[in-house]
Amino acid sequence: MTDSYSLETVNAMSPKDFAETFGDIAEHSPWVAEGAESHRPFQNREEMITCFADVMQSANEKTQLALIRAHPDLAGKAALSGNLTADSKNEQAGVGLDQLSEDEFKRFTDLNKRYLDRFDFPFIFAVKGATKFMILDAFVERLENDQAKEFETALQQIARIIRFRLEDKVG
């Protein structure tokens, strides 16, 4: 269970505490929280969520690509080795990606590889509220996208992940 903070507490945090508390909201990319921090005080949680997304969207393409690449494969090696952030681990477990059958795991592994080979970054999907079947369908569908569309789709999915994580963390 993650700690939940009131908006009043969030707005009163020191810049260091804010960065430590929200630095992994965007997977291994504390620059997003650091950029959002300077826009406090937030009037409401929605403004905070929008600010995080705006910081991500306003970054240059190289920085955005690094953010995309910071995300783990779904049901991939990082999950097996335990090298996921706590949020990623909980999110993947929440949709059963930690309990796949051998055939399902092979399918995820194959799709992860095909996707990475095609786009040179991992498949990003905000899994909260989804099923493994929805994720597999999205994999197949998105493999048909061109590079530019898939890059933008990955950023949209990261914005959804940021939203879900902040909704869980800020009351």
N, C-alpha and C. Protein backbone atom coordinates (compact mmCIF):
# COMPACT_ATOMS: atom_id res chain seq x y z
N MET A 1 0.85 -1.18 0.00
CA MET A 1 0.00 0.00 0.00
C MET A 1 0.89 1.24 0.00
N THR A 2 0.64 2.12 -0.91
CA THR A 2 1.42 3.35 -0.94
C THR A 2 0.82 4.36 0.03
N ASP A 3 1.68 5.27 0.48
CA ASP A 3 1.22 6.35 1.34
C ASP A 3 0.33 7.27 0.52
N SER A 4 -0.66 7.86 1.19
CA SER A 4 -1.52 8.83 0.54
C SER A 4 -1.30 10.18 1.20
N TYR A 5 -1.22 11.21 0.38
CA TYR A 5 -0.93 12.55 0.86
C TYR A 5 -2.08 13.48 0.50
N SER A 6 -2.37 14.40 1.41
CA SER A 6 -3.35 15.42 1.10
C SER A 6 -2.69 16.45 0.19
N LEU A 7 -3.48 17.18 -0.55
CA LEU A 7 -2.95 18.23 -1.42
C LEU A 7 -2.24 19.29 -0.58
N GLU A 8 -2.76 19.58 0.59
CA GLU A 8 -2.13 20.55 1.48
C GLU A 8 -0.71 20.08 1.84
N THR A 9 -0.56 18.81 2.15
CA THR A 9 0.76 18.25 2.47
C THR A 9 1.68 18.31 1.27
N VAL A 10 1.17 17.96 0.10
CA VAL A 10 1.96 18.00 -1.14
C VAL A 10 2.48 19.41 -1.39
N ASN A 11 1.61 20.38 -1.25
CA ASN A 11 2.00 21.77 -1.52
C ASN A 11 2.99 22.31 -0.48
N ALA A 12 3.01 21.74 0.71
CA ALA A 12 3.90 22.21 1.78
C ALA A 12 5.25 21.49 1.79
N MET A 13 5.41 20.44 0.97
CA MET A 13 6.67 19.69 0.96
C MET A 13 7.82 20.56 0.48
N SER A 14 8.99 20.29 1.02
CA SER A 14 10.19 20.93 0.48
C SER A 14 10.42 20.37 -0.92
N PRO A 15 11.14 21.09 -1.77
CA PRO A 15 11.44 20.55 -3.11
C PRO A 15 12.09 19.16 -3.04
N LYS A 16 12.98 18.97 -2.07
CA LYS A 16 13.66 17.66 -1.91
C LYS A 16 12.64 16.57 -1.55
N ASP A 17 11.77 16.86 -0.58
CA ASP A 17 10.76 15.87 -0.18
C ASP A 17 9.80 15.56 -1.33
N PHE A 18 9.41 16.60 -2.07
CA PHE A 18 8.53 16.39 -3.21
C PHE A 18 9.20 15.45 -4.22
N ALA A 19 10.45 15.72 -4.54
CA ALA A 19 11.18 14.90 -5.51
C ALA A 19 11.33 13.46 -5.01
N GLU A 20 11.60 13.30 -3.73
CA GLU A 20 11.73 11.94 -3.18
C GLU A 20 10.39 11.21 -3.17
N THR A 21 9.33 11.92 -2.88
CA THR A 21 8.01 11.31 -2.78
C THR A 21 7.44 10.95 -4.16
N PHE A 22 7.66 11.81 -5.15
CA PHE A 22 7.03 11.64 -6.45
C PHE A 22 8.02 11.35 -7.59
N GLY A 23 9.27 11.14 -7.24
CA GLY A 23 10.31 10.94 -8.26
C GLY A 23 10.13 9.74 -9.15
N ASP A 24 9.45 8.70 -8.67
CA ASP A 24 9.25 7.50 -9.50
C ASP A 24 7.84 7.41 -10.08
N ILE A 25 7.07 8.48 -9.96
CA ILE A 25 5.73 8.47 -10.58
C ILE A 25 5.88 8.21 -12.08
N ALA A 26 6.86 8.86 -12.70
CA ALA A 26 7.24 8.57 -14.09
C ALA A 26 8.46 7.65 -13.99
N GLU A 27 8.28 6.41 -14.28
CA GLU A 27 9.24 5.32 -14.11
C GLU A 27 10.71 5.74 -14.24
N HIS A 28 11.44 5.68 -13.13
CA HIS A 28 12.88 5.96 -13.10
C HIS A 28 13.23 7.28 -13.80
N SER A 29 12.34 8.25 -13.73
CA SER A 29 12.54 9.54 -14.42
C SER A 29 12.15 10.68 -13.49
N PRO A 30 12.98 10.94 -12.47
CA PRO A 30 12.63 11.97 -11.48
C PRO A 30 12.53 13.37 -12.07
N TRP A 31 13.05 13.60 -13.27
CA TRP A 31 12.97 14.93 -13.88
C TRP A 31 11.53 15.38 -14.08
N VAL A 32 10.61 14.43 -14.22
CA VAL A 32 9.20 14.81 -14.41
C VAL A 32 8.68 15.44 -13.11
N ALA A 33 8.92 14.78 -11.99
CA ALA A 33 8.48 15.34 -10.71
C ALA A 33 9.21 16.65 -10.41
N GLU A 34 10.49 16.71 -10.72
CA GLU A 34 11.26 17.94 -10.48
C GLU A 34 10.70 19.09 -11.29
N GLY A 35 10.28 18.83 -12.52
CA GLY A 35 9.67 19.88 -13.34
C GLY A 35 8.30 20.29 -12.83
N ALA A 36 7.53 19.33 -12.35
CA ALA A 36 6.19 19.63 -11.84
C ALA A 36 6.26 20.39 -10.52
N GLU A 37 7.27 20.10 -9.73
CA GLU A 37 7.41 20.71 -8.40
C GLU A 37 7.39 22.23 -8.46
N SER A 38 8.00 22.78 -9.46
CA SER A 38 8.12 24.24 -9.54
C SER A 38 6.79 24.94 -9.85
N HIS A 39 5.76 24.17 -10.16
CA HIS A 39 4.45 24.74 -10.48
C HIS A 39 3.49 24.76 -9.28
N ARG A 40 3.99 24.34 -8.13
CA ARG A 40 3.15 24.39 -6.93
C ARG A 40 2.93 25.83 -6.51
N PRO A 41 1.88 26.12 -5.79
CA PRO A 41 0.92 25.17 -5.23
C PRO A 41 -0.12 24.74 -6.27
N PHE A 42 -0.49 23.47 -6.16
CA PHE A 42 -1.55 22.94 -7.01
C PHE A 42 -2.90 23.26 -6.38
N GLN A 43 -3.86 23.64 -7.18
CA GLN A 43 -5.20 23.96 -6.67
C GLN A 43 -6.00 22.69 -6.37
N ASN A 44 -5.69 21.62 -7.11
CA ASN A 44 -6.39 20.35 -6.91
C ASN A 44 -5.55 19.23 -7.52
N ARG A 45 -5.94 18.00 -7.27
CA ARG A 45 -5.19 16.85 -7.77
C ARG A 45 -5.17 16.83 -9.29
N GLU A 46 -6.25 17.20 -9.92
CA GLU A 46 -6.30 17.21 -11.39
C GLU A 46 -5.24 18.15 -11.97
N GLU A 47 -5.07 19.31 -11.35
CA GLU A 47 -4.03 20.24 -11.81
C GLU A 47 -2.64 19.63 -11.66
N MET A 48 -2.43 18.90 -10.58
CA MET A 48 -1.14 18.24 -10.35
C MET A 48 -0.89 17.19 -11.43
N ILE A 49 -1.90 16.38 -11.72
CA ILE A 49 -1.78 15.34 -12.75
C ILE A 49 -1.47 15.98 -14.11
N THR A 50 -2.19 17.03 -14.44
CA THR A 50 -1.98 17.73 -15.71
C THR A 50 -0.58 18.30 -15.78
N CYS A 51 -0.09 18.84 -14.68
CA CYS A 51 1.25 19.42 -14.65
C CYS A 51 2.31 18.36 -14.92
N PHE A 52 2.20 17.19 -14.28
CA PHE A 52 3.15 16.10 -14.54
C PHE A 52 3.12 15.72 -16.03
N ALA A 53 1.93 15.57 -16.58
CA ALA A 53 1.81 15.20 -18.00
C ALA A 53 2.38 16.29 -18.90
N ASP A 54 2.13 17.55 -18.56
CA ASP A 54 2.66 18.66 -19.37
C ASP A 54 4.18 18.70 -19.36
N VAL A 55 4.78 18.44 -18.20
CA VAL A 55 6.25 18.40 -18.11
C VAL A 55 6.77 17.30 -19.05
N MET A 56 6.16 16.13 -19.00
CA MET A 56 6.58 15.03 -19.86
C MET A 56 6.40 15.39 -21.33
N GLN A 57 5.24 15.94 -21.68
CA GLN A 57 4.95 16.25 -23.09
C GLN A 57 5.82 17.38 -23.63
N SER A 58 6.29 18.27 -22.77
CA SER A 58 7.08 19.41 -23.24
C SER A 58 8.58 19.08 -23.35
N ALA A 59 8.98 17.91 -22.90
CA ALA A 59 10.38 17.52 -23.01
C ALA A 59 10.74 17.28 -24.47
N ASN A 60 12.02 17.34 -24.76
CA ASN A 60 12.44 17.06 -26.14
C ASN A 60 12.32 15.56 -26.42
N GLU A 61 12.37 15.21 -27.68
CA GLU A 61 12.13 13.82 -28.09
C GLU A 61 13.15 12.85 -27.49
N LYS A 62 14.40 13.26 -27.39
CA LYS A 62 15.43 12.40 -26.81
C LYS A 62 15.11 12.08 -25.35
N THR A 63 14.68 13.08 -24.60
CA THR A 63 14.32 12.89 -23.20
C THR A 63 13.07 12.02 -23.07
N GLN A 64 12.10 12.25 -23.94
CA GLN A 64 10.89 11.43 -23.94
C GLN A 64 11.23 9.97 -24.25
N LEU A 65 12.11 9.75 -25.21
CA LEU A 65 12.51 8.39 -25.56
C LEU A 65 13.18 7.70 -24.37
N ALA A 66 14.01 8.43 -23.64
CA ALA A 66 14.64 7.86 -22.44
C ALA A 66 13.58 7.48 -21.41
N LEU A 67 12.55 8.30 -21.27
CA LEU A 67 11.44 7.99 -20.36
C LEU A 67 10.72 6.72 -20.81
N ILE A 68 10.41 6.62 -22.08
CA ILE A 68 9.75 5.42 -22.59
C ILE A 68 10.62 4.20 -22.32
N ARG A 69 11.90 4.32 -22.61
CA ARG A 69 12.82 3.18 -22.43
C ARG A 69 13.05 2.82 -20.97
N ALA A 70 12.71 3.71 -20.05
CA ALA A 70 12.86 3.42 -18.62
C ALA A 70 11.80 2.45 -18.12
N HIS A 71 10.76 2.24 -18.92
CA HIS A 71 9.67 1.33 -18.51
C HIS A 71 10.05 -0.12 -18.78
N PRO A 72 9.62 -1.00 -17.89
CA PRO A 72 9.93 -2.43 -18.07
C PRO A 72 8.98 -3.08 -19.07
N ASP A 73 9.43 -4.20 -19.63
CA ASP A 73 8.53 -5.02 -20.43
C ASP A 73 7.41 -5.52 -19.53
N LEU A 74 6.24 -5.71 -20.10
CA LEU A 74 5.15 -6.31 -19.33
C LEU A 74 5.41 -7.80 -19.22
N ALA A 75 5.40 -8.30 -17.99
CA ALA A 75 5.67 -9.71 -17.71
C ALA A 75 7.02 -10.13 -18.27
N GLY A 76 7.99 -9.24 -18.20
CA GLY A 76 9.30 -9.52 -18.78
C GLY A 76 10.35 -9.86 -17.75
N LYS A 77 11.63 -9.74 -18.18
CA LYS A 77 12.77 -10.11 -17.35
C LYS A 77 12.83 -9.33 -16.04
N ALA A 78 12.51 -8.05 -16.07
CA ALA A 78 12.57 -7.25 -14.85
C ALA A 78 11.58 -7.78 -13.81
N ALA A 79 10.42 -8.21 -14.29
CA ALA A 79 9.42 -8.77 -13.38
C ALA A 79 9.93 -10.07 -12.76
N LEU A 80 10.55 -10.90 -13.57
CA LEU A 80 11.06 -12.18 -13.07
C LEU A 80 12.20 -12.00 -12.07
N SER A 81 13.04 -11.01 -12.33
CA SER A 81 14.20 -10.79 -11.46
C SER A 81 13.88 -9.92 -10.26
N GLY A 82 12.66 -9.36 -10.22
CA GLY A 82 12.27 -8.50 -9.11
C GLY A 82 12.80 -7.08 -9.22
N ASN A 83 13.17 -6.65 -10.42
CA ASN A 83 13.75 -5.32 -10.61
C ASN A 83 12.74 -4.28 -11.06
N LEU A 84 11.49 -4.44 -10.70
CA LEU A 84 10.47 -3.46 -11.02
C LEU A 84 10.35 -2.45 -9.89
N THR A 85 9.91 -1.24 -10.21
CA THR A 85 9.55 -0.32 -9.14
C THR A 85 8.35 -0.93 -8.42
N ALA A 86 8.12 -0.49 -7.20
CA ALA A 86 6.98 -1.00 -6.43
C ALA A 86 5.67 -0.76 -7.17
N ASP A 87 5.53 0.41 -7.79
CA ASP A 87 4.30 0.70 -8.53
C ASP A 87 4.12 -0.27 -9.70
N SER A 88 5.18 -0.48 -10.47
CA SER A 88 5.08 -1.40 -11.62
C SER A 88 4.75 -2.81 -11.16
N LYS A 89 5.40 -3.25 -10.10
CA LYS A 89 5.15 -4.59 -9.57
C LYS A 89 3.68 -4.74 -9.18
N ASN A 90 3.16 -3.77 -8.44
CA ASN A 90 1.76 -3.82 -8.01
C ASN A 90 0.80 -3.76 -9.19
N GLU A 91 1.10 -2.90 -10.15
CA GLU A 91 0.22 -2.76 -11.32
C GLU A 91 0.19 -4.05 -12.14
N GLN A 92 1.36 -4.64 -12.38
CA GLN A 92 1.40 -5.88 -13.17
C GLN A 92 0.73 -7.03 -12.41
N ALA A 93 0.97 -7.10 -11.11
CA ALA A 93 0.33 -8.15 -10.31
C ALA A 93 -1.18 -7.95 -10.27
N GLY A 94 -1.61 -6.69 -10.27
CA GLY A 94 -3.04 -6.39 -10.20
C GLY A 94 -3.85 -6.91 -11.37
N VAL A 95 -3.19 -7.14 -12.49
CA VAL A 95 -3.90 -7.71 -13.66
C VAL A 95 -3.44 -9.14 -13.95
N GLY A 96 -2.72 -9.73 -12.99
CA GLY A 96 -2.36 -11.14 -13.11
C GLY A 96 -1.14 -11.44 -13.97
N LEU A 97 -0.33 -10.43 -14.29
CA LEU A 97 0.84 -10.69 -15.13
C LEU A 97 1.94 -11.43 -14.37
N ASP A 98 1.78 -11.53 -13.07
CA ASP A 98 2.73 -12.30 -12.26
C ASP A 98 2.30 -13.75 -12.11
N GLN A 99 1.18 -14.12 -12.73
CA GLN A 99 0.63 -15.47 -12.61
C GLN A 99 0.26 -16.05 -13.97
N LEU A 100 1.05 -15.76 -14.98
CA LEU A 100 0.75 -16.25 -16.32
C LEU A 100 1.09 -17.73 -16.44
N SER A 101 0.35 -18.42 -17.28
CA SER A 101 0.71 -19.80 -17.61
C SER A 101 1.98 -19.76 -18.45
N GLU A 102 2.60 -20.90 -18.63
CA GLU A 102 3.83 -20.96 -19.44
C GLU A 102 3.57 -20.48 -20.87
N ASP A 103 2.44 -20.87 -21.45
CA ASP A 103 2.11 -20.43 -22.81
C ASP A 103 1.86 -18.92 -22.87
N GLU A 104 1.16 -18.38 -21.87
CA GLU A 104 0.92 -16.94 -21.84
C GLU A 104 2.23 -16.17 -21.69
N PHE A 105 3.10 -16.67 -20.83
CA PHE A 105 4.38 -16.01 -20.64
C PHE A 105 5.18 -16.02 -21.95
N LYS A 106 5.18 -17.13 -22.65
CA LYS A 106 5.88 -17.22 -23.95
C LYS A 106 5.28 -16.22 -24.93
N ARG A 107 3.96 -16.07 -24.92
CA ARG A 107 3.31 -15.12 -25.84
C ARG A 107 3.72 -13.69 -25.50
N PHE A 108 3.70 -13.33 -24.22
CA PHE A 108 4.15 -12.00 -23.81
C PHE A 108 5.61 -11.77 -24.20
N THR A 109 6.45 -12.77 -23.96
CA THR A 109 7.87 -12.66 -24.29
C THR A 109 8.05 -12.43 -25.79
N ASP A 110 7.34 -13.20 -26.59
CA ASP A 110 7.43 -13.05 -28.05
C ASP A 110 6.95 -11.66 -28.50
N LEU A 111 5.82 -11.22 -27.98
CA LEU A 111 5.29 -9.91 -28.36
C LEU A 111 6.20 -8.77 -27.88
N ASN A 112 6.74 -8.90 -26.67
CA ASN A 112 7.69 -7.90 -26.19
C ASN A 112 8.88 -7.79 -27.14
N LYS A 113 9.41 -8.93 -27.57
CA LYS A 113 10.57 -8.94 -28.46
C LYS A 113 10.22 -8.34 -29.82
N ARG A 114 9.10 -8.77 -30.38
CA ARG A 114 8.68 -8.24 -31.70
C ARG A 114 8.48 -6.73 -31.64
N TYR A 115 7.85 -6.28 -30.58
CA TYR A 115 7.58 -4.86 -30.42
C TYR A 115 8.90 -4.08 -30.29
N LEU A 116 9.78 -4.55 -29.42
CA LEU A 116 11.07 -3.88 -29.22
C LEU A 116 11.88 -3.87 -30.52
N ASP A 117 11.88 -4.98 -31.24
CA ASP A 117 12.59 -5.04 -32.53
C ASP A 117 12.03 -4.03 -33.52
N ARG A 118 10.71 -3.85 -33.51
CA ARG A 118 10.07 -2.95 -34.48
C ARG A 118 10.25 -1.47 -34.10
N PHE A 119 10.10 -1.15 -32.81
CA PHE A 119 10.07 0.26 -32.42
C PHE A 119 11.30 0.73 -31.64
N ASP A 120 12.12 -0.18 -31.17
CA ASP A 120 13.33 0.13 -30.41
C ASP A 120 13.02 0.78 -29.06
N PHE A 121 11.86 0.48 -28.52
CA PHE A 121 11.51 0.84 -27.14
C PHE A 121 10.44 -0.15 -26.68
N PRO A 122 10.27 -0.30 -25.36
CA PRO A 122 9.32 -1.30 -24.86
C PRO A 122 7.86 -0.88 -25.06
N PHE A 123 7.01 -1.87 -25.12
CA PHE A 123 5.56 -1.68 -25.20
C PHE A 123 5.08 -1.08 -23.88
N ILE A 124 4.38 0.05 -23.96
CA ILE A 124 3.87 0.71 -22.77
C ILE A 124 2.35 0.60 -22.78
N PHE A 125 1.80 0.15 -21.67
CA PHE A 125 0.36 0.01 -21.54
C PHE A 125 0.00 0.26 -20.09
N ALA A 126 -0.88 1.20 -19.84
CA ALA A 126 -1.37 1.47 -18.48
C ALA A 126 -2.31 0.35 -18.10
N VAL A 127 -1.82 -0.60 -17.32
CA VAL A 127 -2.54 -1.86 -17.11
C VAL A 127 -3.69 -1.77 -16.12
N LYS A 128 -3.73 -0.73 -15.30
CA LYS A 128 -4.78 -0.65 -14.28
C LYS A 128 -6.15 -0.71 -14.95
N GLY A 129 -6.98 -1.63 -14.46
CA GLY A 129 -8.33 -1.79 -14.99
C GLY A 129 -8.41 -2.66 -16.24
N ALA A 130 -7.27 -3.15 -16.71
CA ALA A 130 -7.25 -3.98 -17.93
C ALA A 130 -7.17 -5.45 -17.54
N THR A 131 -7.25 -6.30 -18.54
CA THR A 131 -7.02 -7.73 -18.36
C THR A 131 -5.84 -8.12 -19.24
N LYS A 132 -5.28 -9.28 -18.97
CA LYS A 132 -4.16 -9.73 -19.82
C LYS A 132 -4.61 -9.89 -21.27
N PHE A 133 -5.86 -10.20 -21.47
CA PHE A 133 -6.37 -10.36 -22.84
C PHE A 133 -6.45 -9.01 -23.57
N MET A 134 -6.86 -7.97 -22.84
CA MET A 134 -6.88 -6.63 -23.41
C MET A 134 -5.46 -6.18 -23.78
N ILE A 135 -4.52 -6.50 -22.91
CA ILE A 135 -3.12 -6.12 -23.16
C ILE A 135 -2.59 -6.86 -24.38
N LEU A 136 -2.86 -8.15 -24.47
CA LEU A 136 -2.40 -8.92 -25.64
C LEU A 136 -3.02 -8.40 -26.92
N ASP A 137 -4.31 -8.06 -26.89
CA ASP A 137 -4.96 -7.50 -28.08
C ASP A 137 -4.31 -6.17 -28.48
N ALA A 138 -3.99 -5.34 -27.48
CA ALA A 138 -3.35 -4.05 -27.77
C ALA A 138 -1.97 -4.25 -28.36
N PHE A 139 -1.24 -5.23 -27.88
CA PHE A 139 0.07 -5.55 -28.44
C PHE A 139 -0.05 -5.81 -29.94
N VAL A 140 -0.95 -6.71 -30.30
CA VAL A 140 -1.11 -7.11 -31.70
C VAL A 140 -1.54 -5.92 -32.55
N GLU A 141 -2.50 -5.16 -32.05
CA GLU A 141 -3.00 -3.99 -32.79
C GLU A 141 -1.91 -2.94 -32.97
N ARG A 142 -1.19 -2.66 -31.93
CA ARG A 142 -0.19 -1.58 -31.98
C ARG A 142 1.06 -1.96 -32.76
N LEU A 143 1.32 -3.22 -32.94
CA LEU A 143 2.44 -3.63 -33.79
C LEU A 143 2.25 -3.17 -35.23
N GLU A 144 1.02 -2.83 -35.58
CA GLU A 144 0.72 -2.34 -36.93
C GLU A 144 0.95 -0.83 -37.08
N ASN A 145 1.14 -0.12 -35.98
CA ASN A 145 1.35 1.33 -36.03
C ASN A 145 2.69 1.68 -36.68
N ASP A 146 2.79 2.90 -37.20
CA ASP A 146 4.09 3.38 -37.64
C ASP A 146 4.84 3.94 -36.42
N GLN A 147 6.11 4.25 -36.59
CA GLN A 147 6.96 4.70 -35.49
C GLN A 147 6.42 5.95 -34.79
N ALA A 148 6.02 6.95 -35.56
CA ALA A 148 5.55 8.21 -34.97
C ALA A 148 4.28 8.00 -34.16
N LYS A 149 3.33 7.24 -34.71
CA LYS A 149 2.08 6.99 -33.99
C LYS A 149 2.35 6.21 -32.71
N GLU A 150 3.24 5.24 -32.78
CA GLU A 150 3.49 4.42 -31.60
C GLU A 150 4.25 5.21 -30.52
N PHE A 151 5.14 6.09 -30.94
CA PHE A 151 5.84 6.95 -29.98
C PHE A 151 4.82 7.80 -29.22
N GLU A 152 3.89 8.40 -29.95
CA GLU A 152 2.85 9.22 -29.32
C GLU A 152 1.93 8.37 -28.44
N THR A 153 1.60 7.16 -28.88
CA THR A 153 0.77 6.27 -28.08
C THR A 153 1.47 5.89 -26.78
N ALA A 154 2.77 5.64 -26.86
CA ALA A 154 3.53 5.31 -25.65
C ALA A 154 3.47 6.48 -24.65
N LEU A 155 3.63 7.71 -25.14
CA LEU A 155 3.55 8.88 -24.25
C LEU A 155 2.15 9.02 -23.65
N GLN A 156 1.12 8.75 -24.44
CA GLN A 156 -0.25 8.80 -23.92
C GLN A 156 -0.46 7.76 -22.82
N GLN A 157 0.10 6.58 -23.03
CA GLN A 157 -0.02 5.53 -22.01
C GLN A 157 0.75 5.91 -20.74
N ILE A 158 1.91 6.54 -20.90
CA ILE A 158 2.67 7.00 -19.73
C ILE A 158 1.87 8.07 -18.98
N ALA A 159 1.21 8.95 -19.69
CA ALA A 159 0.37 9.96 -19.04
C ALA A 159 -0.74 9.28 -18.23
N ARG A 160 -1.30 8.20 -18.76
CA ARG A 160 -2.33 7.45 -18.01
C ARG A 160 -1.73 6.80 -16.76
N ILE A 161 -0.52 6.26 -16.90
CA ILE A 161 0.16 5.64 -15.75
C ILE A 161 0.40 6.70 -14.68
N ILE A 162 0.89 7.86 -15.10
CA ILE A 162 1.11 8.97 -14.16
C ILE A 162 -0.20 9.32 -13.45
N ARG A 163 -1.29 9.42 -14.22
CA ARG A 163 -2.60 9.73 -13.64
C ARG A 163 -2.97 8.69 -12.57
N PHE A 164 -2.91 7.42 -12.93
CA PHE A 164 -3.29 6.37 -11.98
C PHE A 164 -2.44 6.42 -10.72
N ARG A 165 -1.14 6.63 -10.89
CA ARG A 165 -0.24 6.64 -9.74
C ARG A 165 -0.50 7.85 -8.83
N LEU A 166 -0.73 9.00 -9.43
CA LEU A 166 -1.01 10.18 -8.61
C LEU A 166 -2.39 10.08 -7.96
N GLU A 167 -3.36 9.50 -8.65
CA GLU A 167 -4.67 9.30 -8.02
C GLU A 167 -4.56 8.40 -6.80
N ASP A 168 -3.66 7.42 -6.86
CA ASP A 168 -3.45 6.52 -5.72
C ASP A 168 -2.69 7.20 -4.58
N LYS A 169 -1.84 8.15 -4.94
CA LYS A 169 -0.91 8.72 -3.95
C LYS A 169 -1.38 10.04 -3.33
N VAL A 170 -2.25 10.76 -4.03
CA VAL A 170 -2.69 12.07 -3.56
C VAL A 170 -4.21 12.04 -3.36
N GLY A 171 -4.63 12.33 -2.11
CA GLY A 171 -6.06 12.28 -1.79
C GLY A 171 -6.79 13.54 -2.19
